[in-house]
Amino acid sequence: MSDESVTASNPYEIVSVEKTDPPPGTEGSDWYHYVIAQGPNIIRGYRQGALSAVKSAVAEVVEQLNQRRFGKRARVNLITIPKKKKS
């Protein structure tokens, strides 16, 4: 099975969210390192905040990534305007 077919059939998913030291060049506390994967594709990142807020934010990123795989799903509000009658 090729990498393309693996990524086409596998959604992105959260692999881990773990407490960590602040990334280089940053300050503060409550930093978390997260890993998102889709087959061989790996996304690693850092986020600061409470664990529940970080998990929620990372889950939202995963949801958006999975939506992008199938094209944009924009919300469209179509309004039909009746044509004016000619006199």
PDB file of N, CA and C in Angstrom:
ATOM      1  N   MET A   1       0.851  -1.173   0.000  1.00  0.00           N
ATOM      2  CA  MET A   1       0.000   0.000   0.000  1.00  0.00           C
ATOM      3  C   MET A   1       0.898   1.239   0.000  1.00  0.00           C
ATOM      4  N   SER A   2       0.650   2.180  -0.881  1.00  0.00           N
ATOM      5  CA  SER A   2       1.486   3.374  -0.982  1.00  0.00           C
ATOM      6  C   SER A   2       1.152   4.364   0.120  1.00  0.00           C
ATOM      7  N   ASP A   3       2.075   5.328   0.346  1.00  0.00           N
ATOM      8  CA  ASP A   3       1.837   6.375   1.340  1.00  0.00           C
ATOM      9  C   ASP A   3       0.593   7.178   1.000  1.00  0.00           C
ATOM     10  N   GLU A   4       0.342   7.405  -0.288  1.00  0.00           N
ATOM     11  CA  GLU A   4      -0.829   8.176  -0.706  1.00  0.00           C
ATOM     12  C   GLU A   4      -2.120   7.482  -0.312  1.00  0.00           C
ATOM     13  N   SER A   5      -2.205   6.184  -0.537  1.00  0.00           N
ATOM     14  CA  SER A   5      -3.436   5.472  -0.195  1.00  0.00           C
ATOM     15  C   SER A   5      -3.602   5.361   1.315  1.00  0.00           C
ATOM     16  N   VAL A   6      -2.501   5.297   2.059  1.00  0.00           N
ATOM     17  CA  VAL A   6      -2.573   5.261   3.518  1.00  0.00           C
ATOM     18  C   VAL A   6      -3.127   6.575   4.039  1.00  0.00           C
ATOM     19  N   THR A   7      -2.618   7.700   3.535  1.00  0.00           N
ATOM     20  CA  THR A   7      -3.085   9.000   4.024  1.00  0.00           C
ATOM     21  C   THR A   7      -4.496   9.294   3.565  1.00  0.00           C
ATOM     22  N   ALA A   8      -4.899   8.776   2.417  1.00  0.00           N
ATOM     23  CA  ALA A   8      -6.247   9.023   1.921  1.00  0.00           C
ATOM     24  C   ALA A   8      -7.293   8.314   2.772  1.00  0.00           C
ATOM     25  N   SER A   9      -6.946   7.164   3.335  1.00  0.00           N
ATOM     26  CA  SER A   9      -7.921   6.399   4.095  1.00  0.00           C
ATOM     27  C   SER A   9      -7.854   6.648   5.605  1.00  0.00           C
ATOM     28  N   ASN A  10      -6.769   7.219   6.093  1.00  0.00           N
ATOM     29  CA  ASN A  10      -6.609   7.442   7.528  1.00  0.00           C
ATOM     30  C   ASN A  10      -6.877   8.887   7.906  1.00  0.00           C
ATOM     31  N   PRO A  11      -7.748   9.106   8.873  1.00  0.00           N
ATOM     32  CA  PRO A  11      -7.963  10.482   9.330  1.00  0.00           C
ATOM     33  C   PRO A  11      -6.831  10.912  10.265  1.00  0.00           C
ATOM     34  N   TYR A  12      -6.716  12.213  10.458  1.00  0.00           N
ATOM     35  CA  TYR A  12      -5.795  12.725  11.465  1.00  0.00           C
ATOM     36  C   TYR A  12      -6.341  12.334  12.830  1.00  0.00           C
ATOM     37  N   GLU A  13      -5.453  12.081  13.774  1.00  0.00           N
ATOM     38  CA  GLU A  13      -5.883  11.767  15.133  1.00  0.00           C
ATOM     39  C   GLU A  13      -4.837  12.199  16.136  1.00  0.00           C
ATOM     40  N   ILE A  14      -5.283  12.449  17.358  1.00  0.00           N
ATOM     41  CA  ILE A  14      -4.383  12.859  18.434  1.00  0.00           C
ATOM     42  C   ILE A  14      -3.643  11.625  18.930  1.00  0.00           C
ATOM     43  N   VAL A  15      -2.316  11.711  18.935  1.00  0.00           N
ATOM     44  CA  VAL A  15      -1.497  10.614  19.430  1.00  0.00           C
ATOM     45  C   VAL A  15      -1.211  10.815  20.916  1.00  0.00           C
ATOM     46  N   SER A  16      -0.844  12.064  21.293  1.00  0.00           N
ATOM     47  CA  SER A  16      -0.542  12.333  22.691  1.00  0.00           C
ATOM     48  C   SER A  16      -0.634  13.821  22.998  1.00  0.00           C
ATOM     49  N   VAL A  17      -0.890  14.107  24.260  1.00  0.00           N
ATOM     50  CA  VAL A  17      -0.825  15.463  24.819  1.00  0.00           C
ATOM     51  C   VAL A  17      -0.171  15.293  26.182  1.00  0.00           C
ATOM     52  N   GLU A  18       1.042  15.848  26.344  1.00  0.00           N
ATOM     53  CA  GLU A  18       1.803  15.639  27.576  1.00  0.00           C
ATOM     54  C   GLU A  18       2.374  16.949  28.098  1.00  0.00           C
ATOM     55  N   LYS A  19       2.372  17.086  29.407  1.00  0.00           N
ATOM     56  CA  LYS A  19       2.947  18.267  30.049  1.00  0.00           C
ATOM     57  C   LYS A  19       4.441  18.310  29.738  1.00  0.00           C
ATOM     58  N   THR A  20       4.951  19.532  29.487  1.00  0.00           N
ATOM     59  CA  THR A  20       6.359  19.679  29.125  1.00  0.00           C
ATOM     60  C   THR A  20       6.893  21.007  29.631  1.00  0.00           C
ATOM     61  N   ASP A  21       8.191  21.172  29.518  1.00  0.00           N
ATOM     62  CA  ASP A  21       8.816  22.457  29.831  1.00  0.00           C
ATOM     63  C   ASP A  21       8.453  23.444  28.724  1.00  0.00           C
ATOM     64  N   PRO A  22       8.531  24.744  29.011  1.00  0.00           N
ATOM     65  CA  PRO A  22       8.235  25.728  27.955  1.00  0.00           C
ATOM     66  C   PRO A  22       9.162  25.538  26.757  1.00  0.00           C
ATOM     67  N   PRO A  23       8.645  25.749  25.545  1.00  0.00           N
ATOM     68  CA  PRO A  23       9.502  25.660  24.361  1.00  0.00           C
ATOM     69  C   PRO A  23      10.615  26.711  24.431  1.00  0.00           C
ATOM     70  N   PRO A  24      11.722  26.498  23.741  1.00  0.00           N
ATOM     71  CA  PRO A  24      12.819  27.465  23.743  1.00  0.00           C
ATOM     72  C   PRO A  24      12.333  28.865  23.345  1.00  0.00           C
ATOM     73  N   GLY A  25      12.761  29.853  24.118  1.00  0.00           N
ATOM     74  CA  GLY A  25      12.409  31.233  23.806  1.00  0.00           C
ATOM     75  C   GLY A  25      11.080  31.683  24.390  1.00  0.00           C
ATOM     76  N   THR A  26      10.418  30.829  25.155  1.00  0.00           N
ATOM     77  CA  THR A  26       9.148  31.208  25.769  1.00  0.00           C
ATOM     78  C   THR A  26       9.245  31.100  27.281  1.00  0.00           C
ATOM     79  N   GLU A  27       8.267  31.673  27.932  1.00  0.00           N
ATOM     80  CA  GLU A  27       8.223  31.636  29.395  1.00  0.00           C
ATOM     81  C   GLU A  27       6.857  31.143  29.830  1.00  0.00           C
ATOM     82  N   GLY A  28       6.711  31.029  31.130  1.00  0.00           N
ATOM     83  CA  GLY A  28       5.415  30.656  31.672  1.00  0.00           C
ATOM     84  C   GLY A  28       5.361  29.199  32.069  1.00  0.00           C
ATOM     85  N   SER A  29       4.184  28.828  32.548  1.00  0.00           N
ATOM     86  CA  SER A  29       3.990  27.448  32.989  1.00  0.00           C
ATOM     87  C   SER A  29       2.801  26.847  32.246  1.00  0.00           C
ATOM     88  N   ASP A  30       2.480  25.619  32.602  1.00  0.00           N
ATOM     89  CA  ASP A  30       1.362  24.897  31.999  1.00  0.00           C
ATOM     90  C   ASP A  30       1.503  24.751  30.487  1.00  0.00           C
ATOM     91  N   TRP A  31       2.662  24.285  30.047  1.00  0.00           N
ATOM     92  CA  TRP A  31       2.881  24.018  28.628  1.00  0.00           C
ATOM     93  C   TRP A  31       2.679  22.540  28.348  1.00  0.00           C
ATOM     94  N   TYR A  32       2.099  22.255  27.188  1.00  0.00           N
ATOM     95  CA  TYR A  32       1.862  20.881  26.762  1.00  0.00           C
ATOM     96  C   TYR A  32       2.404  20.683  25.354  1.00  0.00           C
ATOM     97  N   HIS A  33       2.945  19.501  25.131  1.00  0.00           N
ATOM     98  CA  HIS A  33       3.444  19.094  23.822  1.00  0.00           C
ATOM     99  C   HIS A  33       2.431  18.109  23.267  1.00  0.00           C
ATOM    100  N   TYR A  34       1.974  18.359  22.029  1.00  0.00           N
ATOM    101  CA  TYR A  34       0.999  17.441  21.439  1.00  0.00           C
ATOM    102  C   TYR A  34       1.530  16.870  20.135  1.00  0.00           C
ATOM    103  N   VAL A  35       1.024  15.698  19.803  1.00  0.00           N
ATOM    104  CA  VAL A  35       1.392  15.018  18.563  1.00  0.00           C
ATOM    105  C   VAL A  35       0.099  14.592  17.878  1.00  0.00           C
ATOM    106  N   ILE A  36      -0.021  14.966  16.601  1.00  0.00           N
ATOM    107  CA  ILE A  36      -1.146  14.584  15.753  1.00  0.00           C
ATOM    108  C   ILE A  36      -0.558  13.765  14.609  1.00  0.00           C
ATOM    109  N   ALA A  37      -1.234  12.681  14.232  1.00  0.00           N
ATOM    110  CA  ALA A  37      -0.706  11.837  13.150  1.00  0.00           C
ATOM    111  C   ALA A  37      -1.806  11.467  12.164  1.00  0.00           C
ATOM    112  N   GLN A  38      -1.356  11.264  10.939  1.00  0.00           N
ATOM    113  CA  GLN A  38      -2.193  10.713   9.871  1.00  0.00           C
ATOM    114  C   GLN A  38      -1.265   9.819   9.061  1.00  0.00           C
ATOM    115  N   GLY A  39      -1.358   8.521   9.295  1.00  0.00           N
ATOM    116  CA  GLY A  39      -0.420   7.614   8.636  1.00  0.00           C
ATOM    117  C   GLY A  39       1.006   8.052   8.951  1.00  0.00           C
ATOM    118  N   PRO A  40       1.840   8.259   7.918  1.00  0.00           N
ATOM    119  CA  PRO A  40       3.227   8.659   8.147  1.00  0.00           C
ATOM    120  C   PRO A  40       3.398  10.152   8.453  1.00  0.00           C
ATOM    121  N   ASN A  41       2.340  10.937   8.310  1.00  0.00           N
ATOM    122  CA  ASN A  41       2.422  12.378   8.564  1.00  0.00           C
ATOM    123  C   ASN A  41       2.298  12.650  10.059  1.00  0.00           C
ATOM    124  N   ILE A  42       3.248  13.421  10.591  1.00  0.00           N
ATOM    125  CA  ILE A  42       3.270  13.736  12.016  1.00  0.00           C
ATOM    126  C   ILE A  42       3.300  15.257  12.185  1.00  0.00           C
ATOM    127  N   ILE A  43       2.445  15.766  13.054  1.00  0.00           N
ATOM    128  CA  ILE A  43       2.440  17.183  13.409  1.00  0.00           C
ATOM    129  C   ILE A  43       2.725  17.256  14.899  1.00  0.00           C
ATOM    130  N   ARG A  44       3.752  18.030  15.265  1.00  0.00           N
ATOM    131  CA  ARG A  44       4.115  18.216  16.673  1.00  0.00           C
ATOM    132  C   ARG A  44       3.970  19.688  17.003  1.00  0.00           C
ATOM    133  N   GLY A  45       3.430  19.982  18.175  1.00  0.00           N
ATOM    134  CA  GLY A  45       3.266  21.372  18.552  1.00  0.00           C
ATOM    135  C   GLY A  45       3.229  21.555  20.053  1.00  0.00           C
ATOM    136  N   TYR A  46       3.211  22.825  20.460  1.00  0.00           N
ATOM    137  CA  TYR A  46       3.139  23.192  21.867  1.00  0.00           C
ATOM    138  C   TYR A  46       1.950  24.113  22.063  1.00  0.00           C
ATOM    139  N   ARG A  47       1.359  24.016  23.240  1.00  0.00           N
ATOM    140  CA  ARG A  47       0.246  24.899  23.565  1.00  0.00           C
ATOM    141  C   ARG A  47       0.265  25.121  25.068  1.00  0.00           C
ATOM    142  N   GLN A  48      -0.034  26.340  25.467  1.00  0.00           N
ATOM    143  CA  GLN A  48      -0.043  26.694  26.873  1.00  0.00           C
ATOM    144  C   GLN A  48      -1.487  26.795  27.359  1.00  0.00           C
ATOM    145  N   GLY A  49      -1.713  26.337  28.588  1.00  0.00           N
ATOM    146  CA  GLY A  49      -3.043  26.442  29.177  1.00  0.00           C
ATOM    147  C   GLY A  49      -3.357  25.248  30.047  1.00  0.00           C
ATOM    148  N   ALA A  50      -4.603  25.202  30.493  1.00  0.00           N
ATOM    149  CA  ALA A  50      -5.061  24.061  31.285  1.00  0.00           C
ATOM    150  C   ALA A  50      -5.162  22.838  30.368  1.00  0.00           C
ATOM    151  N   LEU A  51      -4.943  21.666  30.935  1.00  0.00           N
ATOM    152  CA  LEU A  51      -4.951  20.439  30.134  1.00  0.00           C
ATOM    153  C   LEU A  51      -6.256  20.273  29.357  1.00  0.00           C
ATOM    154  N   SER A  52      -7.376  20.532  30.005  1.00  0.00           N
ATOM    155  CA  SER A  52      -8.662  20.364  29.308  1.00  0.00           C
ATOM    156  C   SER A  52      -8.799  21.333  28.138  1.00  0.00           C
ATOM    157  N   ALA A  53      -8.326  22.573  28.302  1.00  0.00           N
ATOM    158  CA  ALA A  53      -8.392  23.565  27.222  1.00  0.00           C
ATOM    159  C   ALA A  53      -7.462  23.186  26.073  1.00  0.00           C
ATOM    160  N   VAL A  54      -6.288  22.679  26.399  1.00  0.00           N
ATOM    161  CA  VAL A  54      -5.329  22.255  25.372  1.00  0.00           C
ATOM    162  C   VAL A  54      -5.890  21.078  24.590  1.00  0.00           C
ATOM    163  N   LYS A  55      -6.434  20.084  25.286  1.00  0.00           N
ATOM    164  CA  LYS A  55      -7.013  18.929  24.600  1.00  0.00           C
ATOM    165  C   LYS A  55      -8.158  19.345  23.687  1.00  0.00           C
ATOM    166  N   SER A  56      -8.975  20.264  24.154  1.00  0.00           N
ATOM    167  CA  SER A  56     -10.093  20.755  23.346  1.00  0.00           C
ATOM    168  C   SER A  56      -9.587  21.474  22.097  1.00  0.00           C
ATOM    169  N   ALA A  57      -8.570  22.322  22.250  1.00  0.00           N
ATOM    170  CA  ALA A  57      -8.015  23.073  21.123  1.00  0.00           C
ATOM    171  C   ALA A  57      -7.368  22.131  20.107  1.00  0.00           C
ATOM    172  N   VAL A  58      -6.649  21.130  20.573  1.00  0.00           N
ATOM    173  CA  VAL A  58      -5.999  20.176  19.675  1.00  0.00           C
ATOM    174  C   VAL A  58      -7.061  19.337  18.954  1.00  0.00           C
ATOM    175  N   ALA A  59      -8.120  18.970  19.651  1.00  0.00           N
ATOM    176  CA  ALA A  59      -9.208  18.217  19.012  1.00  0.00           C
ATOM    177  C   ALA A  59      -9.863  19.049  17.912  1.00  0.00           C
ATOM    178  N   GLU A  60      -9.980  20.354  18.124  1.00  0.00           N
ATOM    179  CA  GLU A  60     -10.547  21.233  17.101  1.00  0.00           C
ATOM    180  C   GLU A  60      -9.635  21.301  15.876  1.00  0.00           C
ATOM    181  N   VAL A  61      -8.327  21.352  16.103  1.00  0.00           N
ATOM    182  CA  VAL A  61      -7.367  21.350  14.995  1.00  0.00           C
ATOM    183  C   VAL A  61      -7.507  20.057  14.189  1.00  0.00           C
ATOM    184  N   VAL A  62      -7.612  18.928  14.875  1.00  0.00           N
ATOM    185  CA  VAL A  62      -7.758  17.634  14.205  1.00  0.00           C
ATOM    186  C   VAL A  62      -9.043  17.610  13.380  1.00  0.00           C
ATOM    187  N   GLU A  63     -10.131  18.122  13.945  1.00  0.00           N
ATOM    188  CA  GLU A  63     -11.397  18.168  13.215  1.00  0.00           C
ATOM    189  C   GLU A  63     -11.268  19.008  11.947  1.00  0.00           C
ATOM    190  N   GLN A  64     -10.612  20.157  12.059  1.00  0.00           N
ATOM    191  CA  GLN A  64     -10.438  21.032  10.891  1.00  0.00           C
ATOM    192  C   GLN A  64      -9.538  20.382   9.842  1.00  0.00           C
ATOM    193  N   LEU A  65      -8.494  19.715  10.271  1.00  0.00           N
ATOM    194  CA  LEU A  65      -7.610  19.028   9.325  1.00  0.00           C
ATOM    195  C   LEU A  65      -8.375  17.948   8.565  1.00  0.00           C
ATOM    196  N   ASN A  66      -9.198  17.200   9.276  1.00  0.00           N
ATOM    197  CA  ASN A  66      -9.969  16.141   8.624  1.00  0.00           C
ATOM    198  C   ASN A  66     -11.008  16.713   7.664  1.00  0.00           C
ATOM    199  N   GLN A  67     -11.594  17.849   7.990  1.00  0.00           N
ATOM    200  CA  GLN A  67     -12.542  18.489   7.078  1.00  0.00           C
ATOM    201  C   GLN A  67     -11.832  18.968   5.819  1.00  0.00           C
ATOM    202  N   ARG A  68     -10.635  19.474   5.954  1.00  0.00           N
ATOM    203  CA  ARG A  68      -9.872  19.972   4.800  1.00  0.00           C
ATOM    204  C   ARG A  68      -9.507  18.854   3.834  1.00  0.00           C
ATOM    205  N   ARG A  69      -9.389  17.634   4.332  1.00  0.00           N
ATOM    206  CA  ARG A  69      -9.031  16.503   3.468  1.00  0.00           C
ATOM    207  C   ARG A  69     -10.075  16.283   2.386  1.00  0.00           C
ATOM    208  N   PHE A  70     -11.306  16.668   2.654  1.00  0.00           N
ATOM    209  CA  PHE A  70     -12.392  16.422   1.711  1.00  0.00           C
ATOM    210  C   PHE A  70     -12.901  17.698   1.071  1.00  0.00           C
ATOM    211  N   GLY A  71     -12.107  18.744   1.098  1.00  0.00           N
ATOM    212  CA  GLY A  71     -12.514  20.017   0.504  1.00  0.00           C
ATOM    213  C   GLY A  71     -13.210  20.889   1.519  1.00  0.00           C
ATOM    214  N   LYS A  72     -13.333  22.132   1.186  1.00  0.00           N
ATOM    215  CA  LYS A  72     -13.950  23.085   2.101  1.00  0.00           C
ATOM    216  C   LYS A  72     -15.443  22.839   2.182  1.00  0.00           C
ATOM    217  N   ARG A  73     -15.941  22.929   3.372  1.00  0.00           N
ATOM    218  CA  ARG A  73     -17.369  22.778   3.604  1.00  0.00           C
ATOM    219  C   ARG A  73     -17.905  24.099   4.113  1.00  0.00           C
ATOM    220  N   ALA A  74     -18.018  25.015   3.205  1.00  0.00           N
ATOM    221  CA  ALA A  74     -18.477  26.352   3.574  1.00  0.00           C
ATOM    222  C   ALA A  74     -19.980  26.371   3.767  1.00  0.00           C
ATOM    223  N   ARG A  75     -20.401  27.263   4.610  1.00  0.00           N
ATOM    224  CA  ARG A  75     -21.826  27.467   4.798  1.00  0.00           C
ATOM    225  C   ARG A  75     -22.267  28.558   3.841  1.00  0.00           C
ATOM    226  N   VAL A  76     -23.266  28.255   3.093  1.00  0.00           N
ATOM    227  CA  VAL A  76     -23.758  29.210   2.109  1.00  0.00           C
ATOM    228  C   VAL A  76     -25.214  29.494   2.423  1.00  0.00           C
ATOM    229  N   ASN A  77     -25.542  30.756   2.450  1.00  0.00           N
ATOM    230  CA  ASN A  77     -26.916  31.156   2.688  1.00  0.00           C
ATOM    231  C   ASN A  77     -27.423  31.797   1.405  1.00  0.00           C
ATOM    232  N   LEU A  78     -28.091  31.013   0.581  1.00  0.00           N
ATOM    233  CA  LEU A  78     -28.583  31.519  -0.692  1.00  0.00           C
ATOM    234  C   LEU A  78     -29.948  32.167  -0.496  1.00  0.00           C
ATOM    235  N   ILE A  79     -30.083  33.325  -1.059  1.00  0.00           N
ATOM    236  CA  ILE A  79     -31.355  34.042  -1.012  1.00  0.00           C
ATOM    237  C   ILE A  79     -31.753  34.342  -2.444  1.00  0.00           C
ATOM    238  N   THR A  80     -32.921  33.870  -2.800  1.00  0.00           N
ATOM    239  CA  THR A  80     -33.382  34.155  -4.166  1.00  0.00           C
ATOM    240  C   THR A  80     -34.190  35.444  -4.132  1.00  0.00           C
ATOM    241  N   ILE A  81     -33.881  36.289  -5.080  1.00  0.00           N
ATOM    242  CA  ILE A  81     -34.560  37.569  -5.190  1.00  0.00           C
ATOM    243  C   ILE A  81     -35.477  37.490  -6.400  1.00  0.00           C
ATOM    244  N   PRO A  82     -36.780  37.689  -6.169  1.00  0.00           N
ATOM    245  CA  PRO A  82     -37.702  37.603  -7.302  1.00  0.00           C
ATOM    246  C   PRO A  82     -37.409  38.696  -8.315  1.00  0.00           C
ATOM    247  N   LYS A  83     -37.552  38.337  -9.587  1.00  0.00           N
ATOM    248  CA  LYS A  83     -37.313  39.311 -10.652  1.00  0.00           C
ATOM    249  C   LYS A  83     -38.457  40.312 -10.664  1.00  0.00           C
ATOM    250  N   LYS A  84     -38.098  41.538 -10.975  1.00  0.00           N
ATOM    251  CA  LYS A  84     -39.120  42.580 -11.069  1.00  0.00           C
ATOM    252  C   LYS A  84     -39.935  42.384 -12.344  1.00  0.00           C
ATOM    253  N   LYS A  85     -41.221  42.577 -12.206  1.00  0.00           N
ATOM    254  CA  LYS A  85     -42.089  42.455 -13.375  1.00  0.00           C
ATOM    255  C   LYS A  85     -41.901  43.654 -14.268  1.00  0.00           C
ATOM    256  N   LYS A  86     -41.819  43.388 -15.543  1.00  0.00           N
ATOM    257  CA  LYS A  86     -41.668  44.486 -16.509  1.00  0.00           C
ATOM    258  C   LYS A  86     -43.036  45.098 -16.763  1.00  0.00           C
ATOM    259  N   SER A  87     -43.101  46.405 -16.823  1.00  0.00           N
ATOM    260  CA  SER A  87     -44.375  47.109 -17.053  1.00  0.00           C
ATOM    261  C   SER A  87     -44.700  47.253 -18.505  1.00  0.00           C
TER     262      SER A  87
END
